[in-house]
Amino acid sequence: MDENVLTALIAAGAAIGGGAATGVFTLAAAKRQAAAAWAAGERQAAAAWEAGRRQAAAAWDSGQLQATAQLDVARRTLTEQTLANQRAVRRAAYVTYLSRTDSAHQALAAWQSAIGTADEAPRRREYDVAVGEVAEALNVVRLEGPDGVATAAENLRDALVANAPGTGQAVAQEAFLTVARAALSPA
């Protein structure tokens, strides 16, 4: 073999060996870069997962607070509406009761004025009907309460009997109005 061929073979072998060594080192470096990139990706994914979890937890907590606040507002509104409705029903019961007691008082006065006349019996029946209507309205007042109003209403009814003193009705009516107004005032 010729020296030139031998030199060419050695050069070719060196080139192949150098290429192989370079390839091995390049492959090892690529593997290290891939492993580092994989680890960085895992760290980023874990960080993103944790950030997402925290964000979701914060959103959940915020949603819970908003829902609780809305429920509290709805509860307060419903309570206020219920109390307003209750006062309206009570007011209607009290007004009806006062109207019936006024009618009974007028019927009593008409009957007492008619005693000894031909109108005495019809006026007595009108008075009896009016007292019956007072009793019906009193039952509603008792149901609606409170107890102080019911007691004052009973006293007013008692002041409408035929043998009650003349000023008893006015005093009892004023006492009823006082406790009824107090019961209707918002607390």
Protein backbone atom coordinates (compact mmCIF):
# COMPACT_ATOMS: atom_id res chain seq x y z
CA MET A 1 0.00 0.00 0.00
CA ASP A 2 1.06 3.27 -0.84
CA GLU A 3 1.87 5.88 1.69
CA ASN A 4 -0.74 8.21 0.30
CA VAL A 5 -3.47 5.61 0.61
CA LEU A 6 -2.40 4.87 4.12
CA THR A 7 -2.48 8.55 4.96
CA ALA A 8 -5.92 8.80 3.37
CA LEU A 9 -7.15 5.81 5.35
CA ILE A 10 -5.79 7.23 8.59
CA ALA A 11 -7.30 10.61 7.79
CA ALA A 12 -10.62 8.98 6.92
CA GLY A 13 -10.50 6.89 10.11
CA ALA A 14 -9.66 9.98 12.16
CA ALA A 15 -12.51 11.86 10.52
CA ILE A 16 -14.93 9.01 11.20
CA GLY A 17 -13.63 8.62 14.77
CA GLY A 18 -13.78 12.36 15.33
CA GLY A 19 -17.32 12.47 13.90
CA ALA A 20 -18.33 9.53 16.10
CA ALA A 21 -16.82 11.18 19.21
CA THR A 22 -18.48 14.45 18.31
CA GLY A 23 -21.78 12.62 17.80
CA VAL A 24 -21.49 10.88 21.17
CA PHE A 25 -20.74 14.15 22.92
CA THR A 26 -23.49 15.94 20.98
CA LEU A 27 -25.96 13.17 21.85
CA ALA A 28 -24.97 13.36 25.53
CA ALA A 29 -25.33 17.16 25.49
CA ALA A 30 -28.70 16.88 23.72
CA LYS A 31 -29.86 14.38 26.35
CA ARG A 32 -28.76 16.72 29.14
CA GLN A 33 -30.52 19.65 27.44
CA ALA A 34 -33.65 17.55 26.95
CA ALA A 35 -33.57 16.45 30.59
CA ALA A 36 -33.06 20.04 31.75
CA ALA A 37 -35.88 21.22 29.46
CA TRP A 38 -38.12 18.40 30.76
CA ALA A 39 -37.34 19.35 34.38
CA ALA A 40 -37.96 23.04 33.65
CA GLY A 41 -41.24 22.13 31.95
CA GLU A 42 -42.27 20.03 34.95
CA ARG A 43 -41.43 22.91 37.30
CA GLN A 44 -43.41 25.32 35.12
CA ALA A 45 -46.33 22.91 34.91
CA ALA A 46 -46.27 22.40 38.69
CA ALA A 47 -46.08 26.15 39.26
CA ALA A 48 -48.92 26.76 36.79
CA TRP A 49 -50.96 23.99 38.44
CA GLU A 50 -50.40 25.50 41.89
CA ALA A 51 -51.21 29.01 40.63
CA GLY A 52 -54.38 27.70 38.99
CA ARG A 53 -55.34 25.85 42.17
CA ARG A 54 -54.82 28.99 44.25
CA GLN A 55 -56.78 31.08 41.76
CA ALA A 56 -59.62 28.55 41.76
CA ALA A 57 -59.62 28.48 45.58
CA ALA A 58 -59.68 32.28 45.71
CA ALA A 59 -62.52 32.38 43.17
CA TRP A 60 -64.43 29.78 45.21
CA ASP A 61 -63.96 31.78 48.42
CA SER A 62 -65.00 34.98 46.68
CA GLY A 63 -68.08 33.26 45.26
CA GLN A 64 -68.97 31.94 48.72
CA LEU A 65 -68.67 35.43 50.20
CA GLN A 66 -70.83 36.91 47.45
CA ALA A 67 -73.45 34.20 47.84
CA THR A 68 -73.51 34.67 51.61
CA ALA A 69 -73.87 38.43 51.22
CA GLN A 70 -76.72 38.00 48.71
CA LEU A 71 -78.47 35.53 51.01
CA ASP A 72 -78.13 37.94 53.93
CA VAL A 73 -79.61 40.78 51.87
CA ALA A 74 -82.44 38.54 50.69
CA ARG A 75 -83.09 37.36 54.26
CA ARG A 76 -83.18 40.93 55.59
CA THR A 77 -85.44 42.05 52.75
CA LEU A 78 -87.80 39.15 53.34
CA THR A 79 -87.86 39.84 57.07
CA GLU A 80 -88.60 43.52 56.47
CA GLN A 81 -91.35 42.66 53.99
CA THR A 82 -92.84 40.14 56.41
CA LEU A 83 -92.88 42.69 59.22
CA ALA A 84 -94.40 45.33 56.92
CA ASN A 85 -97.09 42.87 55.84
CA GLN A 86 -97.76 41.92 59.44
CA ARG A 87 -98.12 45.60 60.37
CA ALA A 88 -100.48 46.14 57.42
CA VAL A 89 -102.68 43.22 58.49
CA ARG A 90 -102.70 44.42 62.08
CA ARG A 91 -103.49 47.96 60.99
CA ALA A 92 -106.45 46.70 58.95
CA ALA A 93 -107.70 44.66 61.93
CA TYR A 94 -107.36 47.64 64.28
CA VAL A 95 -109.11 50.01 61.85
CA THR A 96 -111.95 47.56 61.35
CA TYR A 97 -112.28 47.12 65.10
CA LEU A 98 -112.37 50.88 65.68
CA SER A 99 -114.97 51.29 62.97
CA ARG A 100 -117.15 48.57 64.49
CA THR A 101 -116.84 50.05 67.99
CA ASP A 102 -117.79 53.50 66.66
CA SER A 103 -120.85 51.99 64.97
CA ALA A 104 -121.78 50.16 68.17
CA HIS A 105 -121.35 53.34 70.19
CA GLN A 106 -123.63 55.22 67.79
CA ALA A 107 -126.16 52.36 67.86
CA LEU A 108 -126.07 52.42 71.68
CA ALA A 109 -126.71 56.17 71.72
CA ALA A 110 -129.57 55.79 69.20
CA TRP A 111 -131.14 52.98 71.24
CA GLN A 112 -130.82 54.88 74.52
CA SER A 113 -132.41 57.93 72.87
CA ALA A 114 -135.27 55.79 71.60
CA ILE A 115 -136.12 54.19 74.95
CA GLY A 116 -139.82 54.65 75.60
CA THR A 117 -140.61 55.31 71.91
CA ALA A 118 -141.80 53.10 69.07
CA ASP A 119 -138.21 53.00 67.73
CA GLU A 120 -136.85 51.38 70.87
CA ALA A 121 -137.05 47.74 69.66
CA PRO A 122 -135.53 48.34 66.18
CA ARG A 123 -132.75 50.45 67.70
CA ARG A 124 -132.06 47.72 70.25
CA ARG A 125 -131.73 45.17 67.43
CA GLU A 126 -129.33 47.52 65.58
CA TYR A 127 -127.30 47.82 68.77
CA ASP A 128 -127.24 44.03 69.26
CA VAL A 129 -126.07 43.53 65.65
CA ALA A 130 -123.38 46.20 66.10
CA VAL A 131 -122.15 44.54 69.32
CA GLY A 132 -121.99 41.20 67.47
CA GLU A 133 -119.83 42.85 64.78
CA VAL A 134 -117.58 44.26 67.51
CA ALA A 135 -117.17 40.72 68.90
CA GLU A 136 -116.18 39.41 65.44
CA ALA A 137 -113.65 42.20 64.94
CA LEU A 138 -112.33 41.64 68.47
CA ASN A 139 -111.54 38.03 67.59
CA VAL A 140 -109.37 39.23 64.70
CA VAL A 141 -107.59 41.71 66.99
CA ARG A 142 -106.95 38.89 69.47
CA LEU A 143 -105.43 36.78 66.69
CA GLU A 144 -103.23 39.58 65.41
CA GLY A 145 -102.18 40.75 68.88
CA PRO A 146 -100.08 41.64 70.63
CA ASP A 147 -101.59 40.94 74.05
CA GLY A 148 -101.61 44.57 75.17
CA VAL A 149 -103.69 45.58 72.15
CA ALA A 150 -106.09 42.68 72.68
CA THR A 151 -106.56 43.68 76.33
CA ALA A 152 -107.22 47.31 75.38
CA ALA A 153 -109.68 46.12 72.71
CA GLU A 154 -111.53 44.03 75.30
CA ASN A 155 -111.71 47.07 77.61
CA LEU A 156 -113.14 49.13 74.75
CA ARG A 157 -115.73 46.43 74.06
CA ASP A 158 -116.69 46.39 77.74
CA ALA A 159 -117.17 50.17 77.63
CA LEU A 160 -119.88 49.69 74.98
CA VAL A 161 -122.28 47.72 77.13
CA ALA A 162 -125.61 49.35 77.84
CA ASN A 163 -124.88 50.07 81.51
CA ALA A 164 -121.29 51.35 81.05
CA PRO A 165 -120.46 54.86 82.31
CA GLY A 166 -120.79 57.59 79.70
CA THR A 167 -117.11 58.54 79.43
CA GLY A 168 -115.77 54.99 79.60
CA GLN A 169 -115.92 54.51 75.83
CA ALA A 170 -113.82 57.60 75.06
CA VAL A 171 -111.17 56.67 77.64
CA ALA A 172 -111.05 53.05 76.51
CA GLN A 173 -110.85 54.11 72.87
CA GLU A 174 -107.90 56.42 73.59
CA ALA A 175 -106.13 53.63 75.49
CA PHE A 176 -106.70 51.26 72.56
CA LEU A 177 -105.36 53.83 70.08
CA THR A 178 -102.22 54.33 72.18
CA VAL A 179 -101.30 50.65 72.40
CA ALA A 180 -102.31 50.02 68.76
CA ARG A 181 -100.04 52.82 67.54
CA ALA A 182 -97.18 51.43 69.61
CA ALA A 183 -97.75 47.96 68.15
CA LEU A 184 -97.70 49.33 64.59
CA SER A 185 -94.51 51.34 65.04
CA PRO A 186 -91.45 49.71 63.44
CA ALA A 187 -89.08 48.50 66.11
